[in-house]
Amino acid sequence: MNKRFLGVLLVLQLSVTFGGSVVDPLDSLSILALGALDGRAVVKTADGKMHVLKLGSSIPGTKAVVTQILADKLVVEDSIDPSSEVRQTVWITKSSDSSGKAIVQRLNTEAPAQMAVVVEEAQAMGAGKTSKSTKKKTGDK
């Protein structure tokens, strides 16, 4: 078998054996209230504590910072990798069911590699074109 595959299996087995799991703290967040007009949100973290957040606040237990408070969701910027400055936009929507857990959607910060190449090619092609203007002849009907 592939050594990398065996390594992944070992890590998964250790995770299951010792009860360890990688849990995103934002997944255990509950949104109790969103005040888009006054720019405040009330959330409940996994430890059961309630926090009032405003723009620029960090969510306790995470590296996420509140960037927008909308009527239907909380928008935050979260650190993807603690060792780098790469940030990711995350939408946290209030749950509609009785569990109260928020719905977390992480948005891609960069276009896929294929898309970046297409965009670069389109820009290169656009740079070589000259604009042409068409004038209507006055005698045509």
C-alpha atoms as a PDB file:
ATOM      1  CA  MET A   1       0.000   0.000   0.000  1.00  0.00           C
ATOM      2  CA  ASN A   2       0.930   3.587  -0.400  1.00  0.00           C
ATOM      3  CA  LYS A   3       2.899   4.943   2.611  1.00  0.00           C
ATOM      4  CA  ARG A   4       0.940   8.191   2.603  1.00  0.00           C
ATOM      5  CA  PHE A   5      -2.355   6.290   2.683  1.00  0.00           C
ATOM      6  CA  LEU A   6      -1.140   4.219   5.642  1.00  0.00           C
ATOM      7  CA  GLY A   7      -0.093   7.392   7.438  1.00  0.00           C
ATOM      8  CA  VAL A   8      -3.546   8.905   6.975  1.00  0.00           C
ATOM      9  CA  LEU A   9      -5.161   5.697   8.228  1.00  0.00           C
ATOM     10  CA  LEU A  10      -2.931   5.745  11.310  1.00  0.00           C
ATOM     11  CA  VAL A  11      -3.838   9.349  12.102  1.00  0.00           C
ATOM     12  CA  LEU A  12      -7.546   8.607  11.684  1.00  0.00           C
ATOM     13  CA  GLN A  13      -7.247   5.524  13.890  1.00  0.00           C
ATOM     14  CA  LEU A  14      -5.447   7.485  16.611  1.00  0.00           C
ATOM     15  CA  SER A  15      -8.081  10.192  16.414  1.00  0.00           C
ATOM     16  CA  VAL A  16     -10.875   7.659  16.874  1.00  0.00           C
ATOM     17  CA  THR A  17      -9.019   5.662  19.529  1.00  0.00           C
ATOM     18  CA  PHE A  18      -8.221   8.610  21.761  1.00  0.00           C
ATOM     19  CA  GLY A  19     -11.451  10.453  21.089  1.00  0.00           C
ATOM     20  CA  GLY A  20      -9.613  13.339  19.480  1.00  0.00           C
ATOM     21  CA  SER A  21     -11.296  15.263  16.740  1.00  0.00           C
ATOM     22  CA  VAL A  22     -10.685  18.482  14.947  1.00  0.00           C
ATOM     23  CA  VAL A  23     -13.673  20.664  15.742  1.00  0.00           C
ATOM     24  CA  ASP A  24     -14.024  24.148  14.374  1.00  0.00           C
ATOM     25  CA  PRO A  25     -15.086  26.397  17.288  1.00  0.00           C
ATOM     26  CA  LEU A  26     -17.335  28.328  14.903  1.00  0.00           C
ATOM     27  CA  ASP A  27     -19.369  25.141  14.278  1.00  0.00           C
ATOM     28  CA  SER A  28     -20.400  24.997  17.934  1.00  0.00           C
ATOM     29  CA  LEU A  29     -21.565  28.625  17.942  1.00  0.00           C
ATOM     30  CA  SER A  30     -25.233  29.513  18.420  1.00  0.00           C
ATOM     31  CA  ILE A  31     -26.614  32.855  17.273  1.00  0.00           C
ATOM     32  CA  LEU A  32     -29.271  34.104  19.648  1.00  0.00           C
ATOM     33  CA  ALA A  33     -29.905  37.543  18.130  1.00  0.00           C
ATOM     34  CA  LEU A  34     -28.737  39.658  15.204  1.00  0.00           C
ATOM     35  CA  GLY A  35     -29.202  43.421  15.390  1.00  0.00           C
ATOM     36  CA  ALA A  36     -28.293  44.746  11.962  1.00  0.00           C
ATOM     37  CA  LEU A  37     -29.545  48.259  12.761  1.00  0.00           C
ATOM     38  CA  ASP A  38     -27.588  48.709  15.978  1.00  0.00           C
ATOM     39  CA  GLY A  39     -24.617  46.593  14.785  1.00  0.00           C
ATOM     40  CA  ARG A  40     -24.668  44.026  17.558  1.00  0.00           C
ATOM     41  CA  ALA A  41     -25.074  40.264  17.756  1.00  0.00           C
ATOM     42  CA  VAL A  42     -25.613  37.957  20.717  1.00  0.00           C
ATOM     43  CA  VAL A  43     -23.952  34.546  20.432  1.00  0.00           C
ATOM     44  CA  LYS A  44     -23.561  31.534  22.695  1.00  0.00           C
ATOM     45  CA  THR A  45     -20.230  29.706  22.568  1.00  0.00           C
ATOM     46  CA  ALA A  46     -19.618  25.993  23.179  1.00  0.00           C
ATOM     47  CA  ASP A  47     -18.881  26.623  26.868  1.00  0.00           C
ATOM     48  CA  GLY A  48     -22.424  27.979  27.331  1.00  0.00           C
ATOM     49  CA  LYS A  49     -21.401  31.629  27.766  1.00  0.00           C
ATOM     50  CA  MET A  50     -23.252  34.392  25.966  1.00  0.00           C
ATOM     51  CA  HIS A  51     -21.343  37.239  24.318  1.00  0.00           C
ATOM     52  CA  VAL A  52     -22.471  40.517  22.781  1.00  0.00           C
ATOM     53  CA  LEU A  53     -20.429  41.167  19.644  1.00  0.00           C
ATOM     54  CA  LYS A  54     -20.039  44.312  17.575  1.00  0.00           C
ATOM     55  CA  LEU A  55     -18.047  45.163  14.448  1.00  0.00           C
ATOM     56  CA  GLY A  56     -14.379  44.451  14.978  1.00  0.00           C
ATOM     57  CA  SER A  57     -14.989  42.107  17.937  1.00  0.00           C
ATOM     58  CA  SER A  58     -13.268  38.760  17.990  1.00  0.00           C
ATOM     59  CA  ILE A  59     -15.348  35.701  18.768  1.00  0.00           C
ATOM     60  CA  PRO A  60     -14.047  34.180  22.024  1.00  0.00           C
ATOM     61  CA  GLY A  61     -12.158  30.916  21.531  1.00  0.00           C
ATOM     62  CA  THR A  62     -11.440  31.660  17.864  1.00  0.00           C
ATOM     63  CA  LYS A  63      -9.339  33.938  15.703  1.00  0.00           C
ATOM     64  CA  ALA A  64     -12.477  35.130  13.873  1.00  0.00           C
ATOM     65  CA  VAL A  65     -13.230  38.867  13.744  1.00  0.00           C
ATOM     66  CA  VAL A  66     -16.717  40.259  13.046  1.00  0.00           C
ATOM     67  CA  THR A  67     -16.801  42.264   9.800  1.00  0.00           C
ATOM     68  CA  GLN A  68     -20.562  42.600   9.186  1.00  0.00           C
ATOM     69  CA  ILE A  69     -23.760  42.050  11.108  1.00  0.00           C
ATOM     70  CA  LEU A  70     -26.681  41.508   8.763  1.00  0.00           C
ATOM     71  CA  ALA A  71     -30.327  40.742   9.481  1.00  0.00           C
ATOM     72  CA  ASP A  72     -29.888  37.073   8.546  1.00  0.00           C
ATOM     73  CA  LYS A  73     -26.201  36.315   9.156  1.00  0.00           C
ATOM     74  CA  LEU A  74     -22.978  37.236  10.874  1.00  0.00           C
ATOM     75  CA  VAL A  75     -19.989  37.738   8.544  1.00  0.00           C
ATOM     76  CA  VAL A  76     -16.540  37.137  10.010  1.00  0.00           C
ATOM     77  CA  GLU A  77     -12.951  36.888   8.804  1.00  0.00           C
ATOM     78  CA  ASP A  78     -11.250  33.800  10.197  1.00  0.00           C
ATOM     79  CA  SER A  79      -7.628  32.676  10.104  1.00  0.00           C
ATOM     80  CA  ILE A  80      -7.167  29.642   7.869  1.00  0.00           C
ATOM     81  CA  ASP A  81      -3.653  28.846   9.024  1.00  0.00           C
ATOM     82  CA  PRO A  82      -2.430  30.190  12.385  1.00  0.00           C
ATOM     83  CA  SER A  83       1.126  30.476  11.072  1.00  0.00           C
ATOM     84  CA  SER A  84       0.167  32.736   8.154  1.00  0.00           C
ATOM     85  CA  GLU A  85      -1.845  35.885   7.570  1.00  0.00           C
ATOM     86  CA  VAL A  86      -4.307  34.187   5.209  1.00  0.00           C
ATOM     87  CA  ARG A  87      -7.883  35.052   6.161  1.00  0.00           C
ATOM     88  CA  GLN A  88     -11.145  33.493   5.012  1.00  0.00           C
ATOM     89  CA  THR A  89     -14.618  34.995   4.891  1.00  0.00           C
ATOM     90  CA  VAL A  90     -17.143  32.970   6.862  1.00  0.00           C
ATOM     91  CA  TRP A  91     -20.937  33.348   6.896  1.00  0.00           C
ATOM     92  CA  ILE A  92     -22.604  32.263  10.126  1.00  0.00           C
ATOM     93  CA  THR A  93     -26.364  31.978   9.794  1.00  0.00           C
ATOM     94  CA  LYS A  94     -28.849  31.584  12.629  1.00  0.00           C
ATOM     95  CA  SER A  95     -30.246  28.063  12.760  1.00  0.00           C
ATOM     96  CA  SER A  96     -33.906  27.523  11.966  1.00  0.00           C
ATOM     97  CA  ASP A  97     -34.211  24.262  13.896  1.00  0.00           C
ATOM     98  CA  SER A  98     -34.462  23.590  17.622  1.00  0.00           C
ATOM     99  CA  SER A  99     -30.788  22.578  18.035  1.00  0.00           C
ATOM    100  CA  GLY A 100     -29.741  26.215  17.879  1.00  0.00           C
ATOM    101  CA  LYS A 101     -26.379  25.474  16.243  1.00  0.00           C
ATOM    102  CA  ALA A 102     -25.436  28.030  13.630  1.00  0.00           C
ATOM    103  CA  ILE A 103     -24.914  27.160   9.978  1.00  0.00           C
ATOM    104  CA  VAL A 104     -21.296  27.916   9.036  1.00  0.00           C
ATOM    105  CA  GLN A 105     -20.305  28.510   5.414  1.00  0.00           C
ATOM    106  CA  ARG A 106     -16.654  29.090   4.587  1.00  0.00           C
ATOM    107  CA  LEU A 107     -16.072  30.972   1.352  1.00  0.00           C
ATOM    108  CA  ASN A 108     -13.003  30.449  -0.836  1.00  0.00           C
ATOM    109  CA  THR A 109     -10.588  33.341  -0.685  1.00  0.00           C
ATOM    110  CA  GLU A 110      -8.816  32.553  -3.945  1.00  0.00           C
ATOM    111  CA  ALA A 111      -9.973  31.373  -7.338  1.00  0.00           C
ATOM    112  CA  PRO A 112      -9.014  27.831  -8.313  1.00  0.00           C
ATOM    113  CA  ALA A 113      -5.756  27.566 -10.269  1.00  0.00           C
ATOM    114  CA  GLN A 114      -7.572  26.857 -13.553  1.00  0.00           C
ATOM    115  CA  MET A 115      -9.702  29.975 -13.159  1.00  0.00           C
ATOM    116  CA  ALA A 116      -6.667  32.150 -12.453  1.00  0.00           C
ATOM    117  CA  VAL A 117      -5.022  31.027 -15.706  1.00  0.00           C
ATOM    118  CA  VAL A 118      -8.185  31.774 -17.711  1.00  0.00           C
ATOM    119  CA  VAL A 119      -8.437  35.235 -16.161  1.00  0.00           C
ATOM    120  CA  GLU A 120      -4.778  35.975 -16.929  1.00  0.00           C
ATOM    121  CA  GLU A 121      -5.234  34.853 -20.538  1.00  0.00           C
ATOM    122  CA  ALA A 122      -8.351  36.987 -20.923  1.00  0.00           C
ATOM    123  CA  GLN A 123      -6.526  39.994 -19.522  1.00  0.00           C
ATOM    124  CA  ALA A 124      -3.571  39.403 -21.874  1.00  0.00           C
ATOM    125  CA  MET A 125      -5.907  39.144 -24.858  1.00  0.00           C
ATOM    126  CA  GLY A 126      -7.757  42.266 -23.783  1.00  0.00           C
ATOM    127  CA  ALA A 127      -4.515  44.254 -23.513  1.00  0.00           C
ATOM    128  CA  GLY A 128      -3.668  43.627 -27.189  1.00  0.00           C
ATOM    129  CA  LYS A 129      -7.024  44.788 -28.543  1.00  0.00           C
ATOM    130  CA  THR A 130      -7.689  48.284 -29.697  1.00  0.00           C
ATOM    131  CA  SER A 131     -11.086  49.798 -29.314  1.00  0.00           C
ATOM    132  CA  LYS A 132     -13.024  50.469 -32.474  1.00  0.00           C
ATOM    133  CA  SER A 133     -15.869  52.900 -32.656  1.00  0.00           C
ATOM    134  CA  THR A 134     -18.626  52.668 -35.204  1.00  0.00           C
ATOM    135  CA  LYS A 135     -20.331  55.711 -36.590  1.00  0.00           C
ATOM    136  CA  LYS A 136     -23.755  55.709 -38.073  1.00  0.00           C
ATOM    137  CA  LYS A 137     -23.864  57.024 -41.589  1.00  0.00           C
ATOM    138  CA  THR A 138     -26.261  59.900 -41.921  1.00  0.00           C
ATOM    139  CA  GLY A 139     -27.645  58.801 -45.314  1.00  0.00           C
ATOM    140  CA  ASP A 140     -28.572  55.195 -44.266  1.00  0.00           C
ATOM    141  CA  LYS A 141     -32.060  54.175 -43.274  1.00  0.00           C
END
